């Protein structure tokens, strides 16, 4: 009897988690059929077409509100003072946007932003890097796509070029925060423009995927799964190169600006530069693990992802840095060295969890499908790769990891990510909600993603998933939830 047709026993190899129970009669063939069914199934999220019709215009309005809060209201939440102030409030809000020129772009802002996008696209193509494969794509007959992982050398090149531009005065990095509002507007325009192009193009090329038939909903979720221009994978490029590198440079720009103003960089801004450097660097050094993630395997490239990669992530996740630079409270924080040191500790500890949890999970997946290639990118942290990991086997020959962080909680990478987000707020004190917007937004987002992922895993794995949840009962916090 072949492996594909055998009942799945959880103790059938030394590395498989020993439960001494028959988990399922599901075969690899039927599991592939489930993959194909899930890949084609239309699942309405975010309230369907009604919900996304609200979200599409809400995203830029929210970004403008948060920026105006920092730039014009000293980082405080603002709104109508009563019913009689409802319409005057919107008039003031519009005035802050247009009349004060805080967000109105000029040609130079388009040149800077789009120049950066083009520069990173060129580096994607020309810089060296290993070729790795993604997961089998059901809609392509379970073909594995090749991905060029040149992110690390592109990142190093970007750092070197930016230092040269700053030192020579050709492009002082303080330009970014000095022109934050206009650059944000350009990014918002880019998010909408690219989303429109990427929605129309698949219809022209007859390469649409998993459409609901509702144009508004499909525009939000996307019409194509694997858009490419030659070797340039657009999803990979936009997810790794654009948002996190931009985020780092916004914080670095804020620190340099503060140095210009007072002659030194406060510890809180050093913290934000370190936090965003670690995040951006981690994305580049572990780029080879991205192709086997759910984002690349399942998520279509629509407005939801495009907008946040090109605009939402870099221009809202930086709120703590802007608060520390632009607001009176942020510029005059009084914190004890012990408190600052403690927040630094939280950041480093949370980063360690996040980095090693992602490495454990994705390297295990790569080992299972035979695409794992050891890389010695900096930094390689202890416990990033589990030797002889234990797992609950699946009929495809893979398994559900129950070793390392994933023997404790199911979403360890989200736990580390959330702790980092919390530290970005804590370093700004407690004088405003604005620095805590990111952790609140992120917590809502990952809770939605976790619920969605668990529902789909339950559909795909059936009894295997039930057993997995019994073995690892906690999702985010051990012995709590």
Protein backbone atom coordinates (compact mmCIF):
# COMPACT_ATOMS: atom_id res chain seq x y z
CA UNK A 1 0.00 0.00 0.00
CA UNK A 2 1.41 3.40 -0.96
CA UNK A 3 1.91 6.32 1.42
CA UNK A 4 -0.87 8.16 -0.40
CA UNK A 5 -3.48 5.51 0.34
CA UNK A 6 -2.43 4.50 3.86
CA UNK A 7 -4.38 5.63 6.93
CA UNK A 8 -2.32 8.40 8.52
CA UNK A 9 -0.72 7.32 11.77
CA UNK A 10 0.77 10.06 13.94
CA UNK A 11 3.68 7.91 15.13
CA UNK A 12 4.79 6.58 11.76
CA UNK A 13 8.31 8.11 11.87
CA UNK A 14 10.71 9.34 14.58
CA UNK A 15 9.98 12.98 13.79
CA UNK A 16 6.22 12.62 13.62
CA UNK A 17 4.41 13.57 16.81
CA UNK A 18 3.54 10.43 18.72
CA UNK A 19 -0.17 10.25 19.54
CA UNK A 20 -0.83 6.58 18.78
CA UNK A 21 -4.11 7.40 17.06
CA UNK A 22 -5.35 7.11 13.50
CA UNK A 23 -5.89 10.71 12.47
CA UNK A 24 -7.50 10.41 9.06
CA UNK A 25 -8.17 8.27 6.03
CA UNK A 26 -7.57 11.29 3.80
CA UNK A 27 -5.12 10.63 0.95
CA UNK A 28 -2.68 12.97 -0.72
CA UNK A 29 -4.91 12.95 -3.78
CA UNK A 30 -7.97 14.14 -1.86
CA UNK A 31 -5.83 16.72 -0.01
CA UNK A 32 -4.76 18.11 -3.38
CA UNK A 33 -8.41 18.22 -4.39
CA UNK A 34 -9.14 20.21 -1.23
CA UNK A 35 -6.29 22.61 -2.09
CA UNK A 36 -7.84 23.11 -5.51
CA UNK A 37 -11.31 23.62 -4.03
CA UNK A 38 -10.05 26.15 -1.47
CA UNK A 39 -8.10 27.95 -4.18
CA UNK A 40 -11.26 28.36 -6.27
CA UNK A 41 -13.72 29.00 -3.44
CA UNK A 42 -15.10 32.52 -3.14
CA UNK A 43 -15.03 33.59 0.51
CA UNK A 44 -16.51 36.99 1.30
CA UNK A 45 -14.43 38.81 3.87
CA UNK A 46 -14.59 42.29 5.39
CA UNK A 47 -18.35 42.47 5.02
CA UNK A 48 -18.33 41.68 1.30
CA UNK A 49 -18.87 44.41 -1.29
CA UNK A 50 -20.56 46.71 1.24
CA UNK A 51 -17.66 46.49 3.69
CA UNK A 52 -14.92 47.03 1.11
CA UNK A 53 -16.87 49.91 -0.48
CA UNK A 54 -16.44 51.65 2.86
CA UNK A 55 -12.83 50.58 3.38
CA UNK A 56 -11.49 51.77 0.02
CA UNK A 57 -12.12 55.49 0.65
CA UNK A 58 -11.66 55.12 4.42
CA UNK A 59 -8.00 54.10 4.21
CA UNK A 60 -6.68 57.40 2.75
CA UNK A 61 -9.04 59.45 4.93
CA UNK A 62 -7.67 57.66 8.00
CA UNK A 63 -4.09 58.30 6.91
CA UNK A 64 -4.75 61.98 6.37
CA UNK A 65 -6.50 62.22 9.73
CA UNK A 66 -3.55 60.65 11.56
CA UNK A 67 -1.05 62.88 9.77
CA UNK A 68 -3.05 66.04 10.47
CA UNK A 69 -3.32 64.96 14.11
CA UNK A 70 0.48 64.91 14.34
CA UNK A 71 1.20 67.93 12.13
CA UNK A 72 -1.54 70.30 13.29
CA UNK A 73 -2.96 69.06 16.60
CA UNK A 74 0.19 68.08 18.50
CA UNK A 75 -0.59 64.39 18.20
CA UNK A 76 -4.04 64.59 19.79
CA UNK A 77 -7.26 62.99 18.60
CA UNK A 78 -9.57 65.72 17.26
CA UNK A 79 -13.16 65.91 16.08
CA UNK A 80 -16.36 67.98 16.19
CA UNK A 81 -17.00 69.66 19.54
CA UNK A 82 -20.72 69.11 19.16
CA UNK A 83 -23.48 68.76 16.58
CA UNK A 84 -23.26 72.43 15.72
CA UNK A 85 -19.55 71.96 14.99
CA UNK A 86 -20.04 68.99 12.65
CA UNK A 87 -19.77 70.84 9.32
CA UNK A 88 -17.23 73.42 10.56
CA UNK A 89 -15.04 70.50 11.66
CA UNK A 90 -14.90 69.10 8.13
CA UNK A 91 -14.18 72.56 6.80
CA UNK A 92 -11.23 72.85 9.19
CA UNK A 93 -10.08 69.36 8.26
CA UNK A 94 -10.17 70.25 4.56
CA UNK A 95 -8.34 73.46 5.30
CA UNK A 96 -5.59 71.57 7.08
CA UNK A 97 -5.25 69.29 4.07
CA UNK A 98 -5.32 71.84 1.27
CA UNK A 99 -4.88 75.40 2.44
CA UNK A 100 -1.84 74.72 4.64
CA UNK A 101 -0.13 72.76 1.82
CA UNK A 102 0.70 69.94 4.26
CA UNK A 103 -0.24 67.20 1.78
CA UNK A 104 -0.25 68.85 -1.66
CA UNK A 105 2.42 67.26 -3.89
CA UNK A 106 4.57 68.86 -6.54
CA UNK A 107 6.38 67.26 -9.46
CA UNK A 108 9.50 66.70 -7.35
CA UNK A 109 7.55 64.53 -4.92
CA UNK A 110 6.36 62.27 -7.74
CA UNK A 111 9.93 62.04 -9.04
CA UNK A 112 11.29 61.06 -5.61
CA UNK A 113 8.66 58.44 -4.82
CA UNK A 114 8.43 56.84 -8.25
CA UNK A 115 12.20 57.05 -8.60
CA UNK A 116 12.50 54.96 -5.45
CA UNK A 117 10.02 52.38 -6.80
CA UNK A 118 11.94 52.14 -10.08
CA UNK A 119 15.30 51.95 -8.30
CA UNK A 120 14.14 49.01 -6.16
CA UNK A 121 12.63 47.26 -9.20
CA UNK A 122 15.95 47.53 -11.05
CA UNK A 123 17.83 46.20 -8.03
CA UNK A 124 15.39 43.25 -7.83
CA UNK A 125 16.42 42.27 -11.35
CA UNK A 126 20.15 43.03 -11.41
CA UNK A 127 21.37 42.22 -7.89
CA UNK A 128 22.53 38.66 -7.10
CA UNK A 129 20.52 36.26 -5.00
CA UNK A 130 19.43 32.62 -4.82
CA UNK A 131 16.48 31.28 -6.78
CA UNK A 132 13.94 29.51 -4.60
CA UNK A 133 10.60 27.89 -5.32
CA UNK A 134 7.18 28.56 -3.86
CA UNK A 135 4.49 26.06 -2.93
CA UNK A 136 2.67 24.12 -5.67
CA UNK A 137 0.02 26.48 -7.11
CA UNK A 138 -3.29 24.66 -7.65
CA UNK A 139 -4.47 26.99 -10.42
CA UNK A 140 -1.25 26.29 -12.37
CA UNK A 141 -1.57 22.52 -12.14
CA UNK A 142 0.41 22.52 -8.88
CA UNK A 143 3.43 24.03 -10.58
CA UNK A 144 6.09 25.60 -8.34
CA UNK A 145 7.12 29.10 -9.38
CA UNK A 146 10.70 30.34 -9.19
CA UNK A 147 11.48 33.47 -7.17
CA UNK A 148 14.68 35.49 -7.31
CA UNK A 149 15.69 36.46 -3.77
CA UNK A 150 18.00 39.41 -4.31
CA UNK A 151 16.53 41.47 -1.47
CA UNK A 152 19.54 41.38 0.82
CA UNK A 153 22.03 42.78 -1.69
CA UNK A 154 19.42 45.25 -2.92
CA UNK A 155 18.99 46.38 0.72
CA UNK A 156 22.73 46.81 1.20
CA UNK A 157 22.99 48.70 -2.08
CA UNK A 158 20.11 50.97 -1.06
CA UNK A 159 21.83 51.74 2.25
CA UNK A 160 25.13 52.60 0.57
CA UNK A 161 23.52 54.78 -2.11
CA UNK A 162 21.42 56.64 0.47
CA UNK A 163 24.49 57.39 2.60
CA UNK A 164 26.31 58.77 -0.45
CA UNK A 165 23.30 60.88 -1.47
CA UNK A 166 22.93 62.26 2.05
CA UNK A 167 26.60 63.06 2.66
CA UNK A 168 27.08 64.71 -0.74
CA UNK A 169 23.91 66.77 -0.28
CA UNK A 170 22.39 65.44 -3.51
CA UNK A 171 19.45 64.10 -1.53
CA UNK A 172 19.50 64.88 2.21
CA UNK A 173 17.47 62.19 3.95
CA UNK A 174 15.76 64.85 6.05
CA UNK A 175 13.84 65.66 2.85
CA UNK A 176 11.55 62.72 3.63
CA UNK A 177 10.08 64.07 6.88
CA UNK A 178 10.23 67.65 5.63
CA UNK A 179 7.96 66.56 2.77
CA UNK A 180 6.10 63.75 4.49
CA UNK A 181 2.56 64.92 3.66
CA UNK A 182 3.11 65.42 -0.09
CA UNK A 183 5.05 62.14 -0.37
CA UNK A 184 2.21 60.36 1.42
CA UNK A 185 -0.27 61.82 -1.08
CA UNK A 186 1.89 60.56 -3.96
CA UNK A 187 1.98 57.10 -2.35
CA UNK A 188 -1.82 57.11 -2.01
CA UNK A 189 -2.19 58.02 -5.68
CA UNK A 190 0.27 55.23 -6.53
CA UNK A 191 -1.71 52.73 -4.45
CA UNK A 192 -4.92 53.50 -6.33
CA UNK A 193 -3.27 53.76 -9.75
CA UNK A 194 -1.40 50.46 -9.47
CA UNK A 195 -4.52 48.77 -8.08
CA UNK A 196 -6.59 49.93 -11.06
CA UNK A 197 -3.94 48.80 -13.55
CA UNK A 198 -3.60 45.44 -11.85
CA UNK A 199 -7.36 44.94 -11.87
CA UNK A 200 -7.86 45.81 -15.54
CA UNK A 201 -4.78 43.99 -16.91
CA UNK A 202 -5.83 40.40 -16.00
CA UNK A 203 -9.11 40.90 -17.88
CA UNK A 204 -7.19 42.04 -20.96
CA UNK A 205 -4.71 39.15 -20.75
CA UNK A 206 -7.47 36.68 -19.73
CA UNK A 207 -5.55 35.72 -16.62
CA UNK A 208 -8.10 36.42 -13.88
CA UNK A 209 -8.34 34.24 -10.82
CA UNK A 210 -11.04 33.47 -8.25
CA UNK A 211 -13.45 36.27 -9.13
CA UNK A 212 -16.73 36.80 -7.29
CA UNK A 213 -18.40 38.70 -10.11
CA UNK A 214 -18.70 41.87 -8.03
CA UNK A 215 -16.28 44.43 -9.43
CA UNK A 216 -15.90 46.41 -6.21
CA UNK A 217 -15.14 43.33 -4.12
CA UNK A 218 -12.86 41.85 -6.78
CA UNK A 219 -11.01 45.16 -7.12
CA UNK A 220 -10.36 45.11 -3.37
CA UNK A 221 -9.27 41.45 -3.19
CA UNK A 222 -7.55 41.32 -6.58
CA UNK A 223 -8.01 39.74 -10.00
CA UNK A 224 -4.62 38.05 -10.43
CA UNK A 225 -2.60 35.67 -8.27
CA UNK A 226 0.94 35.75 -9.64
CA UNK A 227 1.49 38.95 -11.65
CA UNK A 228 4.96 39.19 -13.15
CA UNK A 229 7.02 41.28 -15.53
CA UNK A 230 9.69 38.86 -16.69
CA UNK A 231 11.70 37.79 -13.64
CA UNK A 232 10.15 40.58 -11.53
CA UNK A 233 7.46 39.06 -9.32
CA UNK A 234 5.29 42.05 -8.44
CA UNK A 235 3.86 40.61 -5.21
CA UNK A 236 7.29 39.67 -3.90
CA UNK A 237 8.75 43.04 -4.91
CA UNK A 238 5.94 45.05 -3.33
CA UNK A 239 5.73 43.03 -0.12
CA UNK A 240 9.43 43.00 0.71
CA UNK A 241 11.20 45.89 -0.99
CA UNK A 242 8.82 48.84 -0.75
CA UNK A 243 6.97 49.16 2.60
CA UNK A 244 9.64 48.16 5.09
CA UNK A 245 12.53 49.99 3.44
CA UNK A 246 10.42 53.13 3.19
CA UNK A 247 9.39 52.76 6.83
CA UNK A 248 13.01 52.54 7.91
CA UNK A 249 13.97 55.66 5.95
CA UNK A 250 11.09 57.67 7.40
CA UNK A 251 12.33 56.91 10.91
CA UNK A 252 15.94 57.53 9.94
CA UNK A 253 14.89 60.83 8.39
CA UNK A 254 13.11 61.82 11.61
CA UNK A 255 16.23 61.04 13.65
CA UNK A 256 18.47 63.03 11.32
CA UNK A 257 16.04 65.95 11.40
CA UNK A 258 16.05 65.97 15.19
CA UNK A 259 19.85 65.92 15.12
CA UNK A 260 19.78 69.01 12.91
CA UNK A 261 17.49 70.75 15.39
CA UNK A 262 19.16 69.97 18.73
CA UNK A 263 22.57 68.48 17.94
CA UNK A 264 21.85 64.92 19.11
CA UNK A 265 19.35 62.11 18.59
CA UNK A 266 17.16 61.30 21.63
CA UNK A 267 17.09 57.69 22.83
CA UNK A 268 13.46 57.31 21.76
CA UNK A 269 14.26 58.09 18.13
CA UNK A 270 17.29 55.82 18.23
CA UNK A 271 14.85 53.16 19.40
CA UNK A 272 12.55 53.70 16.41
CA UNK A 273 15.47 53.63 13.95
CA UNK A 274 16.66 50.35 15.47
CA UNK A 275 13.14 48.88 15.49
CA UNK A 276 12.51 49.65 11.85
CA UNK A 277 16.02 48.65 10.79
CA UNK A 278 15.57 45.25 12.43
CA UNK A 279 12.21 44.76 10.73
CA UNK A 280 13.39 45.81 7.29
CA UNK A 281 16.64 43.86 7.56
CA UNK A 282 14.77 40.73 8.67
CA UNK A 283 12.50 40.92 5.62
CA UNK A 284 15.52 41.09 3.30
CA UNK A 285 17.71 38.49 5.02
CA UNK A 286 14.87 35.97 5.12
CA UNK A 287 13.39 36.75 1.71
CA UNK A 288 13.85 33.17 0.53
CA UNK A 289 11.18 32.11 3.05
CA UNK A 290 8.52 34.45 1.62
CA UNK A 291 7.56 32.38 -1.48
CA UNK A 292 6.12 29.56 0.65
CA UNK A 293 3.91 31.86 2.73
CA UNK A 294 0.13 32.11 2.44
CA UNK A 295 0.41 35.65 1.03
CA UNK A 296 2.28 34.38 -2.03
CA UNK A 297 0.47 31.05 -2.37
CA UNK A 298 -3.15 32.19 -1.96
CA UNK A 299 -3.66 35.95 -1.65
CA UNK A 300 -4.44 37.75 -4.88
CA UNK A 301 -2.76 41.05 -5.69
CA UNK A 302 -5.55 43.55 -5.25
CA UNK A 303 -6.18 46.91 -3.65
CA UNK A 304 -6.03 45.52 -0.11
CA UNK A 305 -2.40 44.39 -0.47
CA UNK A 306 -1.23 46.89 -3.08
CA UNK A 307 -2.47 49.96 -1.22
CA UNK A 308 -0.96 48.96 2.11
CA UNK A 309 2.36 47.91 0.58
CA UNK A 310 2.84 51.11 -1.39
CA UNK A 311 1.25 53.57 1.02
CA UNK A 312 -0.49 52.33 4.17
CA UNK A 313 2.37 50.45 5.82
CA UNK A 314 5.21 52.97 5.44
CA UNK A 315 3.10 56.07 6.02
CA UNK A 316 1.09 54.89 9.05
CA UNK A 317 3.41 52.45 10.82
CA UNK A 318 5.83 55.37 11.24
CA UNK A 319 3.48 57.34 13.53
CA UNK A 320 5.68 56.86 16.60
CA UNK A 321 8.66 58.41 14.83
CA UNK A 322 6.56 61.33 13.61
CA UNK A 323 5.12 61.85 17.08
CA UNK A 324 8.59 62.00 18.61
CA UNK A 325 9.73 64.54 16.02
CA UNK A 326 6.70 66.74 15.40
CA UNK A 327 4.77 67.05 18.68
CA UNK A 328 5.56 69.06 21.79
CA UNK A 329 5.02 66.07 24.06
CA UNK A 330 7.08 63.80 21.84
CA UNK A 331 9.99 66.23 21.74
CA UNK A 332 10.00 66.75 25.51
CA UNK A 333 9.57 63.26 26.90
CA UNK A 334 11.01 62.68 30.35
CA UNK A 335 11.79 59.01 30.87
CA UNK A 336 14.08 57.24 33.30
CA UNK A 337 17.01 55.28 31.87
CA UNK A 338 15.51 52.18 33.50
CA UNK A 339 12.21 52.60 31.61
CA UNK A 340 13.97 53.21 28.30
CA UNK A 341 16.22 50.22 28.87
CA UNK A 342 13.20 48.06 29.70
CA UNK A 343 11.45 49.02 26.44
CA UNK A 344 14.64 48.27 24.52
CA UNK A 345 14.61 44.84 26.20
CA UNK A 346 11.00 44.25 25.16
CA UNK A 347 11.89 45.17 21.57
CA UNK A 348 14.89 42.82 21.39
CA UNK A 349 13.03 39.98 23.12
CA UNK A 350 9.99 40.40 20.88
CA UNK A 351 12.20 40.61 17.79
CA UNK A 352 13.91 37.38 18.80
CA UNK A 353 10.56 35.60 19.12
CA UNK A 354 9.30 37.00 15.82
CA UNK A 355 12.49 36.30 13.85
CA UNK A 356 13.08 32.78 15.15
CA UNK A 357 9.40 31.81 15.02
CA UNK A 358 9.17 32.85 11.37
CA UNK A 359 12.43 31.05 10.63
CA UNK A 360 11.31 27.86 12.40
CA UNK A 361 7.94 27.80 10.63
CA UNK A 362 9.11 28.65 7.14
CA UNK A 363 12.32 26.61 7.17
CA UNK A 364 10.30 23.61 8.31
CA UNK A 365 7.94 24.13 5.36
CA UNK A 366 10.88 24.47 3.00
CA UNK A 367 12.43 21.28 4.37
CA UNK A 368 9.14 19.47 3.81
CA UNK A 369 8.90 20.49 0.14
CA UNK A 370 12.63 20.19 -0.52
CA UNK A 371 13.44 23.85 -1.17
CA UNK A 372 15.43 24.67 1.98
CA UNK A 373 18.89 26.09 1.33
CA UNK A 374 20.90 27.32 4.35
CA UNK A 375 21.89 30.98 4.13
CA UNK A 376 24.27 32.85 6.40
CA UNK A 377 22.68 36.27 6.25
CA UNK A 378 23.02 38.60 9.23
CA UNK A 379 21.86 38.04 11.88
CA UNK A 380 21.26 34.30 12.15
CA UNK A 381 19.75 33.80 15.59
CA UNK A 382 19.99 30.71 17.81
CA UNK A 383 16.99 28.37 17.49
CA UNK A 384 16.08 29.75 14.06
CA UNK A 385 16.25 26.26 12.56
CA UNK A 386 14.91 23.26 14.48
CA UNK A 387 16.90 20.07 14.13
CA UNK A 388 14.68 16.99 13.84
CA UNK A 389 11.44 18.92 14.36
CA UNK A 390 8.37 17.05 15.57
CA UNK A 391 5.23 17.39 13.53
CA UNK A 392 1.81 15.93 12.97
CA UNK A 393 2.00 14.35 9.50
CA UNK A 394 -0.37 15.14 6.65
CA UNK A 395 -1.19 12.88 3.68
CA UNK A 396 0.84 15.04 1.30
CA UNK A 397 4.02 13.99 3.10
CA UNK A 398 4.31 17.29 4.97
CA UNK A 399 3.19 18.08 8.47
CA UNK A 400 1.94 20.55 11.05
CA UNK A 401 4.87 21.74 13.16
CA UNK A 402 4.69 21.06 16.91
CA UNK A 403 8.30 21.88 17.84
CA UNK A 404 10.09 25.03 18.93
CA UNK A 405 7.83 28.01 19.54
CA UNK A 406 5.05 26.07 17.83
CA UNK A 407 4.97 23.49 20.58
CA UNK A 408 3.83 26.33 22.87
CA UNK A 409 1.48 28.46 20.75
CA UNK A 410 0.15 28.24 17.20
CA UNK A 411 0.83 31.84 16.16
CA UNK A 412 4.16 32.58 17.82
CA UNK A 413 5.23 34.92 14.99
CA UNK A 414 2.13 37.05 15.58
CA UNK A 415 2.85 37.20 19.32
CA UNK A 416 6.37 38.51 18.71
CA UNK A 417 5.12 40.94 16.08
CA UNK A 418 2.46 42.32 18.43
CA UNK A 419 4.96 42.79 21.25
CA UNK A 420 7.21 44.75 18.90
CA UNK A 421 4.28 46.92 17.85
CA UNK A 422 3.46 47.56 21.50
CA UNK A 423 7.03 48.63 22.22
CA UNK A 424 6.82 51.21 19.42
CA UNK A 425 4.03 52.86 21.41
CA UNK A 426 5.52 52.44 24.88
CA UNK A 427 8.70 54.29 23.87
CA UNK A 428 6.54 57.37 23.21
CA UNK A 429 5.00 57.47 26.68
CA UNK A 430 1.30 57.83 27.37
CA UNK A 431 0.47 61.35 26.23
CA UNK A 432 -1.37 60.37 23.05
CA UNK A 433 -3.18 57.48 21.39
CA UNK A 434 -1.42 58.14 18.07
CA UNK A 435 1.73 56.07 18.81
CA UNK A 436 -0.55 53.18 19.83
CA UNK A 437 -2.62 53.24 16.66
CA UNK A 438 -0.35 50.69 15.00
CA UNK A 439 -0.55 48.06 17.73
CA UNK A 440 -4.35 48.40 17.90
CA UNK A 441 -4.71 48.20 14.12
CA UNK A 442 -2.24 45.32 13.89
CA UNK A 443 -3.94 43.34 16.67
CA UNK A 444 -7.30 43.59 14.89
CA UNK A 445 -5.70 42.60 11.58
CA UNK A 446 -3.84 39.54 12.86
CA UNK A 447 -6.83 38.34 14.86
CA UNK A 448 -8.85 38.39 11.64
CA UNK A 449 -6.06 36.62 9.77
CA UNK A 450 -5.64 34.00 12.49
CA UNK A 451 -9.37 33.18 12.51
CA UNK A 452 -9.42 33.01 8.72
CA UNK A 453 -6.33 30.77 8.60
CA UNK A 454 -7.69 28.38 11.23
CA UNK A 455 -11.02 28.07 9.42
CA UNK A 456 -9.27 27.17 6.18
CA UNK A 457 -6.93 24.71 7.88
CA UNK A 458 -9.93 23.04 9.52
CA UNK A 459 -11.54 22.64 6.07
CA UNK A 460 -8.37 21.28 4.53
CA UNK A 461 -7.09 18.93 7.24
CA UNK A 462 -10.24 17.85 9.08
CA UNK A 463 -9.37 15.41 11.89
CA UNK A 464 -5.69 16.22 11.51
CA UNK A 465 -6.42 19.83 12.46
CA UNK A 466 -8.51 18.74 15.44
CA UNK A 467 -5.57 16.69 16.69
CA UNK A 468 -3.18 19.59 16.11
CA UNK A 469 -5.38 21.92 18.15
CA UNK A 470 -5.43 19.35 20.94
CA UNK A 471 -1.64 19.10 20.94
CA UNK A 472 -1.12 22.90 20.73
CA UNK A 473 -4.25 24.39 22.36
CA UNK A 474 -3.11 28.00 22.73
CA UNK A 475 -3.04 30.51 19.87
CA UNK A 476 -1.23 33.68 21.00
CA UNK A 477 -0.48 33.50 24.74
CA UNK A 478 0.49 30.28 26.56
CA UNK A 479 -2.11 29.12 29.10
CA UNK A 480 -4.28 32.17 28.34
CA UNK A 481 -5.46 32.25 24.73
